[in-house]
Amino acid sequence: MGSIFLSILVILIGATIRAVGPSTGKPGAEGTAKVAGYAFMAAGLALALSNTLTVISVGEVGVLHFLGTVQERPLEEGIHIVNPLASIEKMSIREQSFPEGGGVEVIEAQTSEQLNVTLEVSILFKLDGAVAPDLFSRLGSERSIKSSIVMNAMRNGVRDAVATKSINEIFSPDRRLVAVDMMSEIQAKAGDRIEVVEVFVRDVQAPARVREAIEAKLEREQEVEQERFQTEIIQERAQQAIEEAKGLAEAQRIISAG
């Protein structure tokens, strides 16, 4: 909106120069004033016309608002003729990471056993361009939307998902299922305002005594698995020895019968 006022000011300056120039009485002043005045007015007019056109780039939507009124229909990609006095808030509808810049959100949660864990989580999401005007009218800029919807949905969704999992499931080598449940919970919290594309669980931390107990349990499970494997090998070898003994006995019987 500031540029439209600037264009009006430039036109007024040009008109003033055009009107005041001839009154100076200097030789040639009238012609110079006309040229300068028309030049200023032409520049102001060009600036005003440029404000009636706006370009929405690929991967964006625009929200048009004027004097507290938000246009319900978003501006899609392309060139649009708009009210030169209106303002346009542009928002990205491409996939975005949260937190931005490859960071992680550190979230504290409790498992189904009421054990505290700390998770480092990040998500990929997209804004729904169709609801951008409604989001803008209620929450404001894209940054405000991220802090109000994305961050809150992410924190609450992760906590709700972790609350249904045991500590062993959280520390399972395959965290994909945990991430899938987190994604469902985050999407449920965000509703149709954003689309959650993917959830990444970067790291999980628990109190030292819990970690030690989990590590001891995993080591014991590995030992049991190794013992089971060795037992199967022994049993297989014993079975082979039995079969060999049967074969030798049968051969001896045939030789004796002959």
Protein backbone atom coordinates (compact mmCIF):
# COMPACT_ATOMS: atom_id res chain seq x y z
CA MET A 1 0.00 0.00 0.00
CA GLY A 2 2.93 2.32 0.63
CA SER A 3 3.91 2.34 -3.02
CA ILE A 4 0.48 3.57 -4.14
CA PHE A 5 0.80 6.57 -1.84
CA LEU A 6 4.28 7.15 -3.26
CA SER A 7 2.85 7.13 -6.80
CA ILE A 8 0.19 9.68 -5.78
CA LEU A 9 2.88 11.85 -4.27
CA VAL A 10 4.98 11.68 -7.45
CA ILE A 11 1.96 12.66 -9.57
CA LEU A 12 1.25 15.61 -7.26
CA ILE A 13 4.88 16.73 -7.48
CA GLY A 14 4.69 16.56 -11.27
CA ALA A 15 1.45 18.56 -11.30
CA THR A 16 2.97 21.15 -8.98
CA ILE A 17 6.04 21.54 -11.18
CA ARG A 18 3.81 21.82 -14.23
CA ALA A 19 1.70 24.53 -12.60
CA VAL A 20 4.39 26.55 -10.80
CA GLY A 21 7.09 26.45 -13.47
CA PRO A 22 5.65 29.09 -15.84
CA SER A 23 5.14 31.59 -12.98
CA THR A 24 8.87 31.95 -12.40
CA GLY A 25 9.13 34.23 -15.45
CA LYS A 26 12.49 32.86 -16.49
CA PRO A 27 13.12 32.35 -20.20
CA GLY A 28 12.41 28.79 -21.24
CA ALA A 29 11.13 27.90 -17.78
CA GLU A 30 7.65 27.10 -19.04
CA GLY A 31 8.87 24.44 -21.46
CA THR A 32 11.23 22.90 -18.97
CA ALA A 33 8.54 22.84 -16.30
CA LYS A 34 6.11 21.14 -18.67
CA VAL A 35 8.62 18.43 -19.55
CA ALA A 36 9.61 17.84 -15.92
CA GLY A 37 6.01 17.92 -14.72
CA TYR A 38 4.81 15.47 -17.35
CA ALA A 39 7.79 13.21 -16.61
CA PHE A 40 6.94 13.10 -12.90
CA MET A 41 3.27 12.47 -13.58
CA ALA A 42 4.08 9.71 -16.09
CA ALA A 43 6.40 8.06 -13.55
CA GLY A 44 3.73 8.29 -10.86
CA LEU A 45 1.09 6.86 -13.20
CA ALA A 46 3.38 3.97 -14.17
CA LEU A 47 4.05 3.26 -10.50
CA ALA A 48 0.32 3.31 -9.75
CA LEU A 49 -0.43 0.92 -12.63
CA SER A 50 2.28 -1.46 -11.46
CA ASN A 51 0.47 -1.75 -8.13
CA THR A 52 -2.61 -3.13 -9.85
CA LEU A 53 -0.64 -6.20 -10.99
CA THR A 54 0.79 -8.87 -8.72
CA VAL A 55 2.61 -12.10 -9.52
CA ILE A 56 2.14 -15.23 -7.45
CA SER A 57 5.12 -17.50 -8.00
CA VAL A 58 5.10 -21.28 -8.44
CA GLY A 59 4.56 -23.00 -5.08
CA GLU A 60 2.79 -20.00 -3.51
CA VAL A 61 -0.69 -18.66 -2.85
CA GLY A 62 -1.59 -15.07 -2.13
CA VAL A 63 -4.06 -13.77 0.45
CA LEU A 64 -5.57 -10.39 -0.50
CA HIS A 65 -6.69 -8.14 2.37
CA PHE A 66 -7.82 -4.53 2.54
CA LEU A 67 -9.01 -2.44 5.51
CA GLY A 68 -9.44 -5.51 7.73
CA THR A 69 -11.31 -7.56 5.13
CA VAL A 70 -9.72 -10.76 3.82
CA GLN A 71 -10.71 -12.07 0.40
CA GLU A 72 -12.03 -15.61 0.86
CA ARG A 73 -10.60 -16.95 -2.39
CA PRO A 74 -6.78 -17.24 -2.47
CA LEU A 75 -4.74 -15.93 -5.39
CA GLU A 76 -3.24 -18.88 -7.22
CA GLU A 77 -0.05 -19.03 -9.29
CA GLY A 78 0.11 -16.47 -12.08
CA ILE A 79 -0.51 -12.76 -12.73
CA HIS A 80 -3.51 -11.05 -11.11
CA ILE A 81 -5.11 -7.62 -11.35
CA VAL A 82 -5.82 -6.41 -7.83
CA ASN A 83 -6.91 -3.38 -5.88
CA PRO A 84 -3.78 -1.19 -5.77
CA LEU A 85 -4.62 -0.15 -2.20
CA ALA A 86 -4.84 -3.77 -0.95
CA SER A 87 -2.04 -5.78 0.63
CA ILE A 88 -1.07 -9.33 -0.33
CA GLU A 89 0.33 -11.95 2.02
CA LYS A 90 2.19 -14.65 0.10
CA MET A 91 2.47 -18.15 1.57
CA SER A 92 4.37 -21.22 0.44
CA ILE A 93 2.38 -24.37 -0.34
CA ARG A 94 5.49 -26.45 -1.01
CA GLU A 95 6.79 -29.12 1.35
CA GLN A 96 8.50 -27.47 4.30
CA SER A 97 10.48 -28.81 7.22
CA PHE A 98 9.76 -27.92 10.80
CA PRO A 99 11.83 -26.76 12.53
CA GLU A 100 13.37 -24.88 9.63
CA GLY A 101 16.93 -25.32 8.44
CA GLY A 102 17.19 -29.03 9.24
CA GLY A 103 16.78 -28.52 12.98
CA VAL A 104 14.91 -30.72 15.45
CA GLU A 105 12.24 -30.09 18.06
CA VAL A 106 13.17 -31.48 21.49
CA ILE A 107 10.03 -32.92 23.08
CA GLU A 108 9.62 -34.53 26.50
CA ALA A 109 6.98 -37.26 26.74
CA GLN A 110 5.89 -40.19 28.91
CA THR A 111 5.57 -43.80 27.81
CA SER A 112 2.71 -46.11 28.75
CA GLU A 113 4.71 -47.06 31.87
CA GLN A 114 4.91 -43.35 32.85
CA LEU A 115 8.61 -43.23 32.10
CA ASN A 116 9.99 -39.92 30.85
CA VAL A 117 11.79 -39.84 27.52
CA THR A 118 13.20 -37.00 25.44
CA LEU A 119 12.80 -37.17 21.68
CA GLU A 120 14.30 -35.17 18.84
CA VAL A 121 11.67 -34.94 16.11
CA SER A 122 11.23 -33.09 12.83
CA ILE A 123 8.44 -33.18 10.24
CA LEU A 124 7.70 -32.40 6.61
CA PHE A 125 4.39 -30.63 6.00
CA LYS A 126 2.46 -28.57 3.46
CA LEU A 127 0.01 -25.73 3.93
CA ASP A 128 -3.37 -26.18 2.28
CA GLY A 129 -3.68 -23.22 -0.07
CA ALA A 130 -7.47 -23.41 -0.08
CA VAL A 131 -7.66 -22.54 3.62
CA ALA A 132 -4.86 -19.93 3.54
CA PRO A 133 -7.27 -16.93 3.74
CA ASP A 134 -9.03 -18.42 6.77
CA LEU A 135 -5.71 -19.17 8.48
CA PHE A 136 -4.47 -15.66 7.77
CA SER A 137 -7.62 -14.02 9.13
CA ARG A 138 -7.43 -16.06 12.35
CA LEU A 139 -3.70 -16.46 12.94
CA GLY A 140 -1.80 -13.99 10.77
CA SER A 141 1.36 -14.52 8.75
CA GLU A 142 2.86 -17.83 7.67
CA ARG A 143 5.33 -17.67 10.56
CA SER A 144 2.46 -17.26 13.02
CA ILE A 145 0.65 -20.20 11.43
CA LYS A 146 3.72 -22.39 11.90
CA SER A 147 4.07 -21.49 15.57
CA SER A 148 0.34 -21.78 16.30
CA ILE A 149 -0.61 -24.89 14.32
CA VAL A 150 2.48 -26.82 13.25
CA MET A 151 4.45 -26.56 16.48
CA ASN A 152 1.49 -27.24 18.80
CA ALA A 153 0.19 -30.14 16.68
CA MET A 154 3.68 -31.62 16.55
CA ARG A 155 4.29 -31.44 20.30
CA ASN A 156 0.86 -32.74 21.33
CA GLY A 157 0.80 -35.42 18.63
CA VAL A 158 4.21 -36.80 19.62
CA ARG A 159 3.25 -36.89 23.31
CA ASP A 160 -0.04 -38.68 22.58
CA ALA A 161 1.69 -41.24 20.36
CA VAL A 162 4.44 -41.94 22.90
CA ALA A 163 1.85 -42.37 25.67
CA THR A 164 0.54 -45.49 23.89
CA LYS A 165 3.98 -47.09 23.52
CA SER A 166 6.09 -49.07 25.94
CA ILE A 167 9.67 -48.09 26.62
CA ASN A 168 10.81 -51.14 24.64
CA GLU A 169 8.81 -50.05 21.60
CA ILE A 170 10.23 -46.53 21.80
CA PHE A 171 13.79 -47.87 21.88
CA SER A 172 13.17 -50.53 19.27
CA PRO A 173 15.76 -50.52 16.45
CA ASP A 174 12.88 -50.07 13.99
CA ARG A 175 11.31 -46.73 14.90
CA ARG A 176 9.33 -46.53 11.69
CA LEU A 177 6.12 -47.75 13.33
CA VAL A 178 6.51 -45.21 16.12
CA ALA A 179 7.00 -42.45 13.54
CA VAL A 180 3.89 -43.61 11.64
CA ASP A 181 1.78 -43.36 14.82
CA MET A 182 3.24 -39.92 15.53
CA MET A 183 2.32 -38.82 12.01
CA SER A 184 -1.30 -39.93 12.53
CA GLU A 185 -1.57 -38.11 15.85
CA ILE A 186 0.01 -34.91 14.51
CA GLN A 187 -2.32 -34.93 11.50
CA ALA A 188 -5.31 -35.43 13.81
CA LYS A 189 -4.26 -32.43 15.90
CA ALA A 190 -3.65 -30.22 12.84
CA GLY A 191 -6.86 -31.23 11.07
CA ASP A 192 -7.20 -30.25 7.42
CA ARG A 193 -5.29 -27.01 7.89
CA ILE A 194 -1.96 -28.63 6.97
CA GLU A 195 -0.89 -31.93 5.45
CA VAL A 196 1.73 -33.87 7.39
CA VAL A 197 3.98 -35.56 4.83
CA GLU A 198 6.51 -37.38 7.02
CA VAL A 199 7.80 -37.57 10.59
CA PHE A 200 11.45 -38.18 11.48
CA VAL A 201 12.51 -39.44 14.92
CA ARG A 202 16.15 -38.40 15.11
CA ASP A 203 17.06 -39.47 18.64
CA VAL A 204 15.50 -40.77 21.85
CA GLN A 205 16.95 -40.28 25.31
CA ALA A 206 15.81 -41.75 28.63
CA PRO A 207 17.07 -41.54 32.25
CA ALA A 208 20.36 -43.35 32.84
CA ARG A 209 18.82 -46.17 34.89
CA VAL A 210 16.22 -46.80 32.21
CA ARG A 211 18.83 -46.87 29.45
CA GLU A 212 20.97 -49.30 31.46
CA ALA A 213 17.98 -51.58 32.04
CA ILE A 214 17.06 -51.50 28.36
CA GLU A 215 20.62 -52.18 27.25
CA ALA A 216 20.89 -55.08 29.72
CA LYS A 217 17.61 -56.51 28.44
CA LEU A 218 18.70 -56.20 24.82
CA GLU A 219 22.04 -57.85 25.62
CA ARG A 220 20.24 -60.70 27.38
CA GLU A 221 17.90 -61.15 24.43
CA GLN A 222 20.89 -61.30 22.09
CA GLU A 223 22.55 -63.88 24.35
CA VAL A 224 19.37 -65.97 24.44
CA GLU A 225 19.11 -65.76 20.67
CA GLN A 226 22.74 -66.82 20.32
CA GLU A 227 22.24 -69.71 22.73
CA ARG A 228 19.14 -70.81 20.81
CA PHE A 229 21.09 -70.69 17.57
CA GLN A 230 23.92 -72.76 19.04
CA THR A 231 21.42 -75.28 20.44
CA GLU A 232 19.84 -75.66 17.01
CA ILE A 233 23.28 -76.29 15.49
CA ILE A 234 24.05 -78.94 18.12
CA GLN A 235 20.68 -80.62 17.58
CA GLU A 236 21.19 -80.58 13.82
CA ARG A 237 24.63 -82.15 14.14
CA ALA A 238 23.30 -84.76 16.54
CA GLN A 239 20.52 -85.62 14.09
CA GLN A 240 23.09 -85.96 11.31
CA ALA A 241 25.18 -88.26 13.51
CA ILE A 242 22.12 -90.40 14.24
CA GLU A 243 21.30 -90.67 10.56
CA GLU A 244 24.89 -91.62 9.78
CA ALA A 245 24.84 -94.28 12.49
CA LYS A 246 21.60 -95.71 11.12
CA GLY A 247 23.15 -95.80 7.66
CA LEU A 248 26.24 -97.67 8.91
CA ALA A 249 24.10 -100.14 10.85
CA GLU A 250 21.97 -100.85 7.81
CA ALA A 251 25.04 -101.33 5.68
CA GLN A 252 26.53 -103.73 8.20
CA ARG A 253 23.28 -105.69 8.31
CA ILE A 254 23.25 -106.06 4.55
CA ILE A 255 26.88 -107.19 4.51
CA SER A 256 26.21 -109.74 7.25
CA ALA A 257 23.12 -111.06 5.46
CA GLY A 258 25.11 -111.54 2.26
